[in-house]
């Protein structure tokens, strides 16, 4: 099968000729730039600097030659702007504290503070307060919270809607061109259009805005989901209305060039539990997810992708009822997330995109033998009957041993060679 057919069959719970593979299709299924550079070196590919397509997590762009080697079946259409609010264009070299030289957007503008931390600025505007910090000798950025003091009687939901509005013609052009280019690769296509992530804690502090207003402190936001639910509902309701109008405009441009769309990266799970009750999820979040997913299923052929780390087995039924087709990253190391149990219980109702190997322990600190065994076992469990796209559990982190990454790639090839 061609990659596109393989992906479409898997998304429709039909077993393909081989398990489809994704690395780099989204901002939660990629690899740190130093891992991508190490892979290029390991496989003896042309010497070139790796592009950082998402500077917040310092994810490296996987070029076509490496995609061929890795057997990747997914092509990503990335968001029009990075998490720091600027487009990737006019690449320039930048050397990390580790000594690795990479390529970044011309709008990637930084300073160093007195202790050697790297500060990055929203929209690349050095006159604005910095919105991200990479610790000295670090490998990715942390958000700098820029929360103004909360004055309860002055809280206005419109302030938390500042980043949502009508999609520009420029961004529509970008998505149309990017979708066409992605479709021409012959791979399955997943797109990140933005605007549909309700309460995503990576987005709440708005590292892409120069002077964010509203509730922007992470702790204060979580408190608000309990104590200020009417406020949150007003934010989500208006955000949903804007998103539906924008999705209609996007649909007219990209049509069925896209196979799946990244809806939301809001995390609901910890290692052992959930951030809120299922009742709160169903009352506060689910109505808006359902409106988005129902519109997409009525008007397009796209499958909808929900990212949530952690122990979310108790939420999966609600995810399905919300209309999500895909769950990622399938954190099988979290409580209640046993791979065989998930497959047995939900195999015909939701696609598992991830879960292929544990990035917290096995991939980062195990042996190639242990990686191979875990990958083969997960493929045997999740691959039966389709409904599985291979990816690690979230992004492959910086300094993961190259021998382990190669063992993961080769184990998938091994499994697919015997199916």
Protein backbone atom coordinates (compact mmCIF):
# COMPACT_ATOMS: atom_id res chain seq x y z
CA UNK A 1 0.00 0.00 0.00
CA UNK A 2 0.97 3.62 -0.46
CA UNK A 3 1.32 5.61 2.76
CA UNK A 4 -1.94 7.50 2.20
CA UNK A 5 -4.00 4.32 1.84
CA UNK A 6 -2.23 2.77 4.82
CA UNK A 7 -3.09 5.75 7.02
CA UNK A 8 -6.69 6.02 5.85
CA UNK A 9 -7.31 2.34 6.51
CA UNK A 10 -5.84 2.59 10.00
CA UNK A 11 -7.94 5.67 10.76
CA UNK A 12 -11.04 3.75 9.71
CA UNK A 13 -10.22 0.76 11.92
CA UNK A 14 -9.23 -1.46 9.04
CA UNK A 15 -5.97 -3.34 9.23
CA UNK A 16 -3.45 -2.03 6.67
CA UNK A 17 -0.52 -3.90 5.17
CA UNK A 18 1.77 -2.31 7.77
CA UNK A 19 1.40 -0.08 10.81
CA UNK A 20 1.60 3.58 9.69
CA UNK A 21 4.37 5.64 11.29
CA UNK A 22 4.35 9.27 12.35
CA UNK A 23 7.27 11.34 13.50
CA UNK A 24 7.07 15.10 13.04
CA UNK A 25 3.47 15.39 11.90
CA UNK A 26 2.42 17.54 14.86
CA UNK A 27 3.92 19.47 17.76
CA UNK A 28 3.26 16.46 20.04
CA UNK A 29 4.58 13.67 17.82
CA UNK A 30 8.01 14.99 16.93
CA UNK A 31 11.63 14.87 18.01
CA UNK A 32 13.94 17.31 19.70
CA UNK A 33 16.28 18.97 17.23
CA UNK A 34 19.37 17.30 18.67
CA UNK A 35 17.79 13.87 18.13
CA UNK A 36 17.02 14.71 14.51
CA UNK A 37 20.60 15.90 14.01
CA UNK A 38 21.93 12.71 15.60
CA UNK A 39 19.75 10.55 13.34
CA UNK A 40 20.98 12.35 10.23
CA UNK A 41 24.54 11.71 11.32
CA UNK A 42 23.86 8.06 12.23
CA UNK A 43 22.36 7.26 8.83
CA UNK A 44 25.09 9.13 6.97
CA UNK A 45 22.75 11.64 5.35
CA UNK A 46 23.84 14.90 3.76
CA UNK A 47 25.40 17.28 6.25
CA UNK A 48 22.99 20.14 6.88
CA UNK A 49 21.68 22.15 9.79
CA UNK A 50 18.32 21.00 11.14
CA UNK A 51 15.44 23.50 11.14
CA UNK A 52 13.61 24.14 14.40
CA UNK A 53 9.95 24.19 13.40
CA UNK A 54 8.61 24.63 16.95
CA UNK A 55 11.02 26.63 19.11
CA UNK A 56 8.97 26.29 22.31
CA UNK A 57 9.88 22.59 22.49
CA UNK A 58 12.82 22.92 20.08
CA UNK A 59 11.40 20.32 17.72
CA UNK A 60 13.46 19.52 14.65
CA UNK A 61 12.04 19.37 11.14
CA UNK A 62 12.52 15.92 9.59
CA UNK A 63 13.61 16.37 5.98
CA UNK A 64 12.52 14.07 3.16
CA UNK A 65 15.71 11.98 3.07
CA UNK A 66 15.38 11.12 6.76
CA UNK A 67 11.64 10.50 6.41
CA UNK A 68 12.40 7.89 3.79
CA UNK A 69 14.90 6.17 6.05
CA UNK A 70 12.48 6.21 9.01
CA UNK A 71 9.54 4.93 6.95
CA UNK A 72 7.26 7.84 7.87
CA UNK A 73 3.69 7.72 6.53
CA UNK A 74 2.40 11.06 7.87
CA UNK A 75 2.92 14.57 6.54
CA UNK A 76 2.15 17.49 8.82
CA UNK A 77 0.64 20.87 8.05
CA UNK A 78 1.90 22.97 10.92
CA UNK A 79 0.26 25.98 12.52
CA UNK A 80 0.78 29.23 10.63
CA UNK A 81 2.84 30.63 13.51
CA UNK A 82 5.00 29.14 16.25
CA UNK A 83 4.03 29.25 19.91
CA UNK A 84 5.97 32.49 20.16
CA UNK A 85 3.75 34.08 17.54
CA UNK A 86 6.00 34.30 14.49
CA UNK A 87 6.14 32.42 11.18
CA UNK A 88 9.00 30.14 10.19
CA UNK A 89 10.71 31.93 7.34
CA UNK A 90 14.11 33.20 6.19
CA UNK A 91 16.07 30.69 8.21
CA UNK A 92 19.23 31.74 10.06
CA UNK A 93 21.80 29.74 12.08
CA UNK A 94 21.79 29.72 15.89
CA UNK A 95 24.10 27.86 18.23
CA UNK A 96 22.59 26.27 21.35
CA UNK A 97 24.50 26.20 24.64
CA UNK A 98 25.27 22.55 23.91
CA UNK A 99 27.23 23.65 20.84
CA UNK A 100 24.71 22.27 18.34
CA UNK A 101 24.10 24.71 15.50
CA UNK A 102 20.57 24.74 14.13
CA UNK A 103 18.39 26.84 11.85
CA UNK A 104 15.69 29.12 13.26
CA UNK A 105 13.27 31.66 11.84
CA UNK A 106 14.55 35.19 11.28
CA UNK A 107 11.94 36.24 13.85
CA UNK A 108 13.58 34.05 16.51
CA UNK A 109 15.08 36.89 18.53
CA UNK A 110 16.72 36.27 21.88
CA UNK A 111 18.82 37.81 24.63
CA UNK A 112 20.86 36.33 27.47
CA UNK A 113 20.23 37.32 31.06
CA UNK A 114 22.94 37.74 33.71
CA UNK A 115 22.88 34.04 34.70
CA UNK A 116 23.12 32.82 31.11
CA UNK A 117 19.49 31.88 30.49
CA UNK A 118 18.16 32.49 26.98
CA UNK A 119 15.10 34.75 26.73
CA UNK A 120 12.82 34.73 23.69
CA UNK A 121 10.29 37.37 22.72
CA UNK A 122 6.69 37.27 21.41
CA UNK A 123 6.44 38.10 17.71
CA UNK A 124 10.22 38.49 17.82
CA UNK A 125 9.73 41.92 19.38
CA UNK A 126 12.66 42.74 21.65
CA UNK A 127 10.81 45.77 23.04
CA UNK A 128 8.12 43.52 24.60
CA UNK A 129 8.64 41.53 27.81
CA UNK A 130 10.14 38.09 27.08
CA UNK A 131 7.64 35.24 27.05
CA UNK A 132 9.97 32.23 27.16
CA UNK A 133 13.09 31.17 29.04
CA UNK A 134 15.58 28.43 28.21
CA UNK A 135 17.77 27.75 31.24
CA UNK A 136 21.52 27.88 30.71
CA UNK A 137 22.61 24.62 29.05
CA UNK A 138 18.92 23.74 28.66
CA UNK A 139 17.17 22.23 25.66
CA UNK A 140 13.76 23.90 25.37
CA UNK A 141 11.87 26.95 26.56
CA UNK A 142 9.62 27.37 29.58
CA UNK A 143 6.80 29.89 29.50
CA UNK A 144 7.29 33.11 31.40
CA UNK A 145 3.96 33.91 33.02
CA UNK A 146 3.08 37.58 32.60
CA UNK A 147 -0.03 37.78 34.75
CA UNK A 148 -1.30 41.18 35.79
CA UNK A 149 -2.79 41.29 39.31
CA UNK A 150 -6.32 39.87 39.32
CA UNK A 151 -9.02 42.39 40.21
CA UNK A 152 -12.12 40.26 40.47
CA UNK A 153 -14.68 42.92 39.59
CA UNK A 154 -12.71 43.92 36.50
CA UNK A 155 -12.29 40.44 35.02
CA UNK A 156 -13.58 40.40 31.45
CA UNK A 157 -13.85 37.20 29.36
CA UNK A 158 -12.93 39.26 26.29
CA UNK A 159 -9.42 39.56 27.69
CA UNK A 160 -8.97 35.79 27.42
CA UNK A 161 -10.24 35.93 23.85
CA UNK A 162 -7.62 38.37 22.63
CA UNK A 163 -5.84 35.71 20.56
CA UNK A 164 -8.99 34.47 18.82
CA UNK A 165 -10.45 36.21 15.83
CA UNK A 166 -11.24 35.91 12.11
CA UNK A 167 -8.56 34.00 10.23
CA UNK A 168 -6.57 36.23 7.88
CA UNK A 169 -6.35 35.76 4.12
CA UNK A 170 -2.61 35.34 4.59
CA UNK A 171 -3.11 32.37 6.88
CA UNK A 172 -5.76 30.90 4.58
CA UNK A 173 -3.27 31.09 1.72
CA UNK A 174 -0.66 29.44 3.90
CA UNK A 175 -2.92 26.51 4.83
CA UNK A 176 -4.10 26.00 1.26
CA UNK A 177 -0.55 25.90 -0.11
CA UNK A 178 0.76 23.76 2.74
CA UNK A 179 -2.10 21.25 2.39
CA UNK A 180 -1.51 20.94 -1.35
CA UNK A 181 2.21 20.36 -0.83
CA UNK A 182 1.55 17.81 1.90
CA UNK A 183 -0.96 15.90 -0.21
CA UNK A 184 1.52 15.66 -3.06
CA UNK A 185 3.88 13.60 -0.90
CA UNK A 186 1.49 10.65 -1.05
CA UNK A 187 1.38 10.42 2.74
CA UNK A 188 -1.52 10.80 5.10
CA UNK A 189 -1.95 14.44 6.13
CA UNK A 190 -2.62 15.85 9.58
CA UNK A 191 -3.12 19.60 9.94
CA UNK A 192 -2.95 21.98 12.89
CA UNK A 193 -5.24 24.91 12.13
CA UNK A 194 -5.45 26.29 15.66
CA UNK A 195 -8.21 28.01 17.58
CA UNK A 196 -9.93 24.85 18.82
CA UNK A 197 -7.89 24.07 21.95
CA UNK A 198 -10.13 24.90 24.90
CA UNK A 199 -8.05 25.67 27.97
CA UNK A 200 -4.77 24.19 26.69
CA UNK A 201 -2.38 25.11 29.49
CA UNK A 202 0.48 25.63 27.01
CA UNK A 203 -1.61 28.35 25.34
CA UNK A 204 -3.31 30.01 28.32
CA UNK A 205 -0.19 32.09 29.24
CA UNK A 206 -0.14 33.25 25.58
CA UNK A 207 3.61 33.24 24.87
CA UNK A 208 2.67 34.53 21.40
CA UNK A 209 1.12 37.78 22.73
CA UNK A 210 3.18 40.80 23.72
CA UNK A 211 0.99 41.98 26.59
CA UNK A 212 -1.59 39.29 27.41
CA UNK A 213 -4.62 40.27 29.44
CA UNK A 214 -7.09 38.21 31.44
CA UNK A 215 -6.31 35.07 33.46
CA UNK A 216 -2.88 33.97 32.26
CA UNK A 217 -1.21 32.44 35.29
CA UNK A 218 -1.37 28.63 35.10
CA UNK A 219 -2.30 28.14 38.75
CA UNK A 220 -4.93 30.88 38.58
CA UNK A 221 -6.42 29.32 35.44
CA UNK A 222 -6.79 25.91 37.06
CA UNK A 223 -8.39 27.54 40.09
CA UNK A 224 -10.75 29.39 37.75
CA UNK A 225 -11.98 26.17 36.15
CA UNK A 226 -13.49 25.43 39.54
CA UNK A 227 -14.28 28.84 41.02
CA UNK A 228 -15.06 30.91 37.90
CA UNK A 229 -16.85 28.45 35.66
CA UNK A 230 -19.31 31.06 34.25
CA UNK A 231 -16.30 33.11 33.15
CA UNK A 232 -14.65 30.08 31.51
CA UNK A 233 -17.91 29.17 29.76
CA UNK A 234 -18.09 32.67 28.24
CA UNK A 235 -14.52 32.34 26.97
CA UNK A 236 -15.12 28.88 25.50
CA UNK A 237 -18.49 29.83 23.97
CA UNK A 238 -17.07 32.78 22.04
CA UNK A 239 -13.91 30.88 21.11
CA UNK A 240 -16.08 28.08 19.72
CA UNK A 241 -18.16 30.49 17.63
CA UNK A 242 -15.03 32.04 16.14
CA UNK A 243 -13.49 28.63 15.47
CA UNK A 244 -16.53 27.36 13.58
CA UNK A 245 -16.51 30.39 11.27
CA UNK A 246 -12.78 29.97 10.66
CA UNK A 247 -13.10 26.23 10.02
CA UNK A 248 -15.66 26.91 7.29
CA UNK A 249 -13.21 29.27 5.58
CA UNK A 250 -10.39 26.75 5.94
CA UNK A 251 -12.54 23.93 4.59
CA UNK A 252 -13.27 25.87 1.42
CA UNK A 253 -9.52 26.14 0.83
CA UNK A 254 -8.17 22.72 1.80
CA UNK A 255 -11.18 20.45 1.22
CA UNK A 256 -10.31 16.79 1.57
CA UNK A 257 -6.57 17.24 1.17
CA UNK A 258 -6.39 16.72 4.93
CA UNK A 259 -7.03 13.35 6.59
CA UNK A 260 -6.89 14.40 10.22
CA UNK A 261 -6.90 17.66 12.14
CA UNK A 262 -5.31 18.43 15.49
CA UNK A 263 -8.16 19.81 17.58
CA UNK A 264 -6.84 20.12 21.07
CA UNK A 265 -3.78 19.59 23.25
CA UNK A 266 -5.46 20.25 26.59
CA UNK A 267 -4.05 17.77 29.10
CA UNK A 268 -6.47 16.20 31.56
CA UNK A 269 -4.23 13.59 33.15
CA UNK A 270 -1.42 13.35 35.68
CA UNK A 271 0.69 10.24 36.10
CA UNK A 272 -1.88 8.73 38.46
CA UNK A 273 -5.14 10.64 38.09
CA UNK A 274 -6.93 13.49 36.29
CA UNK A 275 -6.91 17.27 36.71
CA UNK A 276 -10.67 17.43 37.11
CA UNK A 277 -13.61 15.09 37.50
CA UNK A 278 -15.36 13.48 34.55
CA UNK A 279 -18.43 15.48 35.57
CA UNK A 280 -16.48 18.74 35.20
CA UNK A 281 -15.10 17.61 31.85
CA UNK A 282 -18.57 16.83 30.57
CA UNK A 283 -20.08 20.10 31.75
CA UNK A 284 -17.23 22.56 31.15
CA UNK A 285 -15.30 21.24 28.14
CA UNK A 286 -17.35 18.63 26.31
CA UNK A 287 -20.11 20.90 24.89
CA UNK A 288 -17.54 22.90 22.92
CA UNK A 289 -15.51 19.93 21.75
CA UNK A 290 -18.71 18.30 20.58
CA UNK A 291 -19.78 21.35 18.56
CA UNK A 292 -16.40 21.48 16.82
CA UNK A 293 -16.22 17.73 16.16
CA UNK A 294 -19.84 17.51 15.00
CA UNK A 295 -19.29 20.33 12.51
CA UNK A 296 -16.15 18.69 11.15
CA UNK A 297 -17.83 15.30 10.77
CA UNK A 298 -20.85 16.85 9.08
CA UNK A 299 -18.89 19.01 6.64
CA UNK A 300 -15.59 17.22 6.00
CA UNK A 301 -13.93 13.81 5.86
CA UNK A 302 -11.35 14.81 8.47
CA UNK A 303 -10.71 12.70 11.55
CA UNK A 304 -10.30 14.66 14.78
CA UNK A 305 -7.22 14.32 17.00
CA UNK A 306 -7.26 14.77 20.78
CA UNK A 307 -4.01 15.02 22.70
CA UNK A 308 -4.00 14.43 26.44
CA UNK A 309 -1.18 13.05 28.49
CA UNK A 310 -1.61 11.04 31.64
CA UNK A 311 -4.06 8.69 33.28
CA UNK A 312 -7.14 9.52 31.20
CA UNK A 313 -8.75 6.10 30.80
CA UNK A 314 -11.72 7.30 32.83
CA UNK A 315 -12.20 10.11 30.28
CA UNK A 316 -11.92 8.05 27.08
CA UNK A 317 -15.64 7.32 26.93
CA UNK A 318 -16.33 11.05 27.24
CA UNK A 319 -13.69 11.79 24.57
CA UNK A 320 -15.51 9.40 22.22
CA UNK A 321 -18.89 10.93 23.02
CA UNK A 322 -17.34 14.36 22.38
CA UNK A 323 -16.69 13.17 18.83
CA UNK A 324 -12.95 12.63 18.91
CA UNK A 325 -11.69 9.97 16.50
CA UNK A 326 -8.08 9.83 17.71
CA UNK A 327 -6.34 9.77 21.10
CA UNK A 328 -2.71 10.76 21.57
CA UNK A 329 -0.12 10.20 23.09
CA UNK A 330 -1.60 7.07 24.76
CA UNK A 331 0.54 7.23 27.89
CA UNK A 332 0.57 3.55 28.73
CA UNK A 333 2.89 4.13 31.69
CA UNK A 334 0.18 6.10 33.53
CA UNK A 335 -2.25 4.48 35.94
CA UNK A 336 -5.06 2.57 34.27
CA UNK A 337 -3.57 2.95 30.77
CA UNK A 338 -2.47 -0.63 30.13
CA UNK A 339 -2.08 -1.11 26.37
CA UNK A 340 -3.92 -4.45 26.14
CA UNK A 341 -6.79 -3.16 28.26
CA UNK A 342 -7.19 0.00 26.15
CA UNK A 343 -7.12 -1.94 22.91
CA UNK A 344 -9.60 -4.50 24.14
CA UNK A 345 -12.05 -1.92 25.49
CA UNK A 346 -11.89 0.84 22.84
CA UNK A 347 -10.37 -0.70 19.71
CA UNK A 348 -13.32 -0.03 17.40
CA UNK A 349 -14.22 3.40 18.76
CA UNK A 350 -11.04 5.45 18.89
CA UNK A 351 -7.70 5.39 17.07
CA UNK A 352 -4.57 5.19 19.20
CA UNK A 353 -1.93 7.54 17.78
CA UNK A 354 1.11 6.93 19.95
CA UNK A 355 1.81 4.53 22.79
CA UNK A 356 4.56 2.84 20.78
CA UNK A 357 7.30 3.19 23.38
CA UNK A 358 7.70 4.93 26.74
CA UNK A 359 9.75 8.12 26.30
CA UNK A 360 10.04 8.75 30.05
CA UNK A 361 11.81 5.50 30.87
CA UNK A 362 12.39 2.87 28.20
CA UNK A 363 13.47 5.09 25.30
CA UNK A 364 15.38 7.62 27.39
CA UNK A 365 17.06 5.32 29.92
CA UNK A 366 16.67 1.75 28.69
CA UNK A 367 18.71 -0.41 26.35
CA UNK A 368 18.25 -1.02 22.63
CA UNK A 369 17.13 -4.55 23.49
CA UNK A 370 14.52 -3.24 25.89
CA UNK A 371 13.33 -0.66 23.35
CA UNK A 372 12.98 -3.31 20.65
CA UNK A 373 11.00 -5.62 22.93
CA UNK A 374 8.63 -2.87 24.04
CA UNK A 375 8.02 -1.60 20.50
CA UNK A 376 7.30 -5.09 19.17
CA UNK A 377 4.92 -5.80 22.05
CA UNK A 378 3.02 -2.54 21.53
CA UNK A 379 2.74 -3.14 17.80
CA UNK A 380 1.38 -6.63 18.45
CA UNK A 381 -1.25 -5.22 20.82
CA UNK A 382 -2.31 -2.02 19.10
CA UNK A 383 -1.84 -3.08 15.47
CA UNK A 384 -4.55 -5.77 15.35
CA UNK A 385 -7.51 -4.64 13.26
CA UNK A 386 -6.11 -1.21 12.46
CA UNK A 387 -6.86 1.84 14.56
CA UNK A 388 -3.18 2.47 15.35
CA UNK A 389 -0.61 5.00 14.14
CA UNK A 390 2.84 4.31 15.54
CA UNK A 391 4.49 7.09 17.47
CA UNK A 392 6.35 7.32 20.75
CA UNK A 393 4.53 8.54 23.85
CA UNK A 394 4.83 12.27 23.12
CA UNK A 395 7.89 13.92 21.59
CA UNK A 396 11.27 12.19 21.67
CA UNK A 397 13.18 14.28 24.20
CA UNK A 398 16.60 15.89 23.97
CA UNK A 399 19.64 13.65 24.42
CA UNK A 400 17.70 10.41 24.08
CA UNK A 401 20.42 7.86 23.21
CA UNK A 402 20.69 7.57 19.44
CA UNK A 403 21.10 3.81 19.72
CA UNK A 404 17.69 3.63 21.39
CA UNK A 405 16.01 5.82 18.79
CA UNK A 406 17.47 3.66 16.02
CA UNK A 407 16.31 0.53 17.87
CA UNK A 408 12.77 1.96 17.92
CA UNK A 409 12.81 2.75 14.21
CA UNK A 410 14.25 -0.63 13.27
CA UNK A 411 11.82 -2.51 15.52
CA UNK A 412 8.84 -0.97 13.72
CA UNK A 413 10.39 -1.93 10.40
CA UNK A 414 10.95 -5.44 11.73
CA UNK A 415 7.35 -5.76 12.81
CA UNK A 416 6.01 -4.37 9.57
CA UNK A 417 8.24 -6.69 7.59
CA UNK A 418 6.58 -9.74 9.10
CA UNK A 419 2.95 -8.59 8.75
